[in-house]
């Protein structure tokens, strides 16, 4: 029953996210340039965190651990990147 509830909550969460994206306004256009320094910083932080996690050892048979490591490194990099890419703050 636990696995069923886990899969159902994932399904409902995904459907909620899709529903929210569908409801977003699509007629708002904002012209902005891409900040290359931000994405370079993001990539650098992501690679450092990912390599650091791999250096502590990870079982190669568990694909789930690699996925969680990628997601975690991405979220940390997204959180920290603005601090290093925008020195005005």
C-alpha atoms as a PDB file:
ATOM      1  CA  UNK A   1       0.000   0.000   0.000  1.00  0.00           C
ATOM      2  CA  UNK A   2       2.952   2.319   0.713  1.00  0.00           C
ATOM      3  CA  UNK A   3       4.285   2.052  -2.851  1.00  0.00           C
ATOM      4  CA  UNK A   4       0.817   2.663  -4.278  1.00  0.00           C
ATOM      5  CA  UNK A   5       0.397   5.816  -2.182  1.00  0.00           C
ATOM      6  CA  UNK A   6       3.876   6.967  -3.151  1.00  0.00           C
ATOM      7  CA  UNK A   7       3.150   6.572  -6.867  1.00  0.00           C
ATOM      8  CA  UNK A   8      -0.256   8.218  -6.541  1.00  0.00           C
ATOM      9  CA  UNK A   9       1.199  11.239  -4.735  1.00  0.00           C
ATOM     10  CA  UNK A  10       3.836  11.566  -7.470  1.00  0.00           C
ATOM     11  CA  UNK A  11       1.152  11.361 -10.149  1.00  0.00           C
ATOM     12  CA  UNK A  12      -1.082  13.945  -8.468  1.00  0.00           C
ATOM     13  CA  UNK A  13       1.876  16.257  -7.850  1.00  0.00           C
ATOM     14  CA  UNK A  14       2.906  16.031 -11.489  1.00  0.00           C
ATOM     15  CA  UNK A  15      -0.642  16.668 -12.672  1.00  0.00           C
ATOM     16  CA  UNK A  16      -0.881  19.685 -10.369  1.00  0.00           C
ATOM     17  CA  UNK A  17       2.341  21.140 -11.776  1.00  0.00           C
ATOM     18  CA  UNK A  18       1.136  20.588 -15.364  1.00  0.00           C
ATOM     19  CA  UNK A  19      -2.242  22.161 -14.519  1.00  0.00           C
ATOM     20  CA  UNK A  20      -0.482  25.176 -12.972  1.00  0.00           C
ATOM     21  CA  UNK A  21       1.689  25.673 -16.067  1.00  0.00           C
ATOM     22  CA  UNK A  22      -1.346  25.479 -18.327  1.00  0.00           C
ATOM     23  CA  UNK A  23      -3.062  28.215 -16.311  1.00  0.00           C
ATOM     24  CA  UNK A  24      -0.116  30.627 -16.608  1.00  0.00           C
ATOM     25  CA  UNK A  25      -0.584  33.711 -18.740  1.00  0.00           C
ATOM     26  CA  UNK A  26       1.094  33.350 -22.093  1.00  0.00           C
ATOM     27  CA  UNK A  27       0.700  36.854 -23.500  1.00  0.00           C
ATOM     28  CA  UNK A  28       3.302  38.529 -21.272  1.00  0.00           C
ATOM     29  CA  UNK A  29       6.548  39.148 -23.169  1.00  0.00           C
ATOM     30  CA  UNK A  30       9.621  40.339 -21.334  1.00  0.00           C
ATOM     31  CA  UNK A  31      12.736  41.052 -23.369  1.00  0.00           C
ATOM     32  CA  UNK A  32      15.828  40.115 -21.418  1.00  0.00           C
ATOM     33  CA  UNK A  33      19.324  39.086 -22.305  1.00  0.00           C
ATOM     34  CA  UNK A  34      20.744  35.861 -21.001  1.00  0.00           C
ATOM     35  CA  UNK A  35      23.253  36.355 -18.229  1.00  0.00           C
ATOM     36  CA  UNK A  36      26.100  34.067 -19.298  1.00  0.00           C
ATOM     37  CA  UNK A  37      28.010  34.617 -16.053  1.00  0.00           C
ATOM     38  CA  UNK A  38      25.070  33.265 -14.057  1.00  0.00           C
ATOM     39  CA  UNK A  39      24.926  30.042 -16.063  1.00  0.00           C
ATOM     40  CA  UNK A  40      28.697  29.624 -15.984  1.00  0.00           C
ATOM     41  CA  UNK A  41      28.582  29.981 -12.210  1.00  0.00           C
ATOM     42  CA  UNK A  42      25.675  27.550 -12.023  1.00  0.00           C
ATOM     43  CA  UNK A  43      27.542  24.955 -14.093  1.00  0.00           C
ATOM     44  CA  UNK A  44      30.722  25.341 -12.055  1.00  0.00           C
ATOM     45  CA  UNK A  45      28.900  24.931  -8.737  1.00  0.00           C
ATOM     46  CA  UNK A  46      26.921  21.974 -10.095  1.00  0.00           C
ATOM     47  CA  UNK A  47      30.065  20.183 -11.284  1.00  0.00           C
ATOM     48  CA  UNK A  48      31.891  20.838  -8.007  1.00  0.00           C
ATOM     49  CA  UNK A  49      29.010  19.504  -5.901  1.00  0.00           C
ATOM     50  CA  UNK A  50      28.472  16.512  -8.189  1.00  0.00           C
ATOM     51  CA  UNK A  51      32.165  15.570  -8.203  1.00  0.00           C
ATOM     52  CA  UNK A  52      32.392  16.081  -4.449  1.00  0.00           C
ATOM     53  CA  UNK A  53      29.475  13.706  -3.930  1.00  0.00           C
ATOM     54  CA  UNK A  54      31.013  11.125  -6.266  1.00  0.00           C
ATOM     55  CA  UNK A  55      34.350  11.385  -4.462  1.00  0.00           C
ATOM     56  CA  UNK A  56      32.712  10.138  -1.259  1.00  0.00           C
ATOM     57  CA  UNK A  57      31.586   7.056  -3.122  1.00  0.00           C
ATOM     58  CA  UNK A  58      28.372   6.050  -4.758  1.00  0.00           C
ATOM     59  CA  UNK A  59      27.163   2.618  -5.708  1.00  0.00           C
ATOM     60  CA  UNK A  60      27.205   2.432  -9.503  1.00  0.00           C
ATOM     61  CA  UNK A  61      24.245   0.031  -9.462  1.00  0.00           C
ATOM     62  CA  UNK A  62      21.861   2.602  -8.019  1.00  0.00           C
ATOM     63  CA  UNK A  63      20.695   4.954 -10.745  1.00  0.00           C
ATOM     64  CA  UNK A  64      18.400   6.619  -8.213  1.00  0.00           C
ATOM     65  CA  UNK A  65      21.375   7.886  -6.223  1.00  0.00           C
ATOM     66  CA  UNK A  66      22.818   9.538  -9.326  1.00  0.00           C
ATOM     67  CA  UNK A  67      19.485  11.171 -10.115  1.00  0.00           C
ATOM     68  CA  UNK A  68      19.094  12.471  -6.560  1.00  0.00           C
ATOM     69  CA  UNK A  69      22.679  13.738  -6.646  1.00  0.00           C
ATOM     70  CA  UNK A  70      21.989  15.624  -9.898  1.00  0.00           C
ATOM     71  CA  UNK A  71      18.760  17.132  -8.602  1.00  0.00           C
ATOM     72  CA  UNK A  72      20.331  18.144  -5.294  1.00  0.00           C
ATOM     73  CA  UNK A  73      23.382  19.656  -6.976  1.00  0.00           C
ATOM     74  CA  UNK A  74      21.102  21.568  -9.366  1.00  0.00           C
ATOM     75  CA  UNK A  75      18.974  23.008  -6.568  1.00  0.00           C
ATOM     76  CA  UNK A  76      21.994  24.049  -4.521  1.00  0.00           C
ATOM     77  CA  UNK A  77      23.618  25.593  -7.594  1.00  0.00           C
ATOM     78  CA  UNK A  78      20.407  27.480  -8.450  1.00  0.00           C
ATOM     79  CA  UNK A  79      20.290  28.814  -4.904  1.00  0.00           C
ATOM     80  CA  UNK A  80      23.935  29.841  -4.645  1.00  0.00           C
ATOM     81  CA  UNK A  81      24.638  31.060  -8.207  1.00  0.00           C
ATOM     82  CA  UNK A  82      23.024  34.509  -7.833  1.00  0.00           C
ATOM     83  CA  UNK A  83      25.328  35.285  -4.912  1.00  0.00           C
ATOM     84  CA  UNK A  84      28.457  34.813  -7.031  1.00  0.00           C
ATOM     85  CA  UNK A  85      27.171  36.058 -10.385  1.00  0.00           C
ATOM     86  CA  UNK A  86      25.742  39.368  -9.105  1.00  0.00           C
ATOM     87  CA  UNK A  87      28.380  41.161  -6.987  1.00  0.00           C
ATOM     88  CA  UNK A  88      26.097  44.162  -6.320  1.00  0.00           C
ATOM     89  CA  UNK A  89      24.116  42.279  -3.693  1.00  0.00           C
END
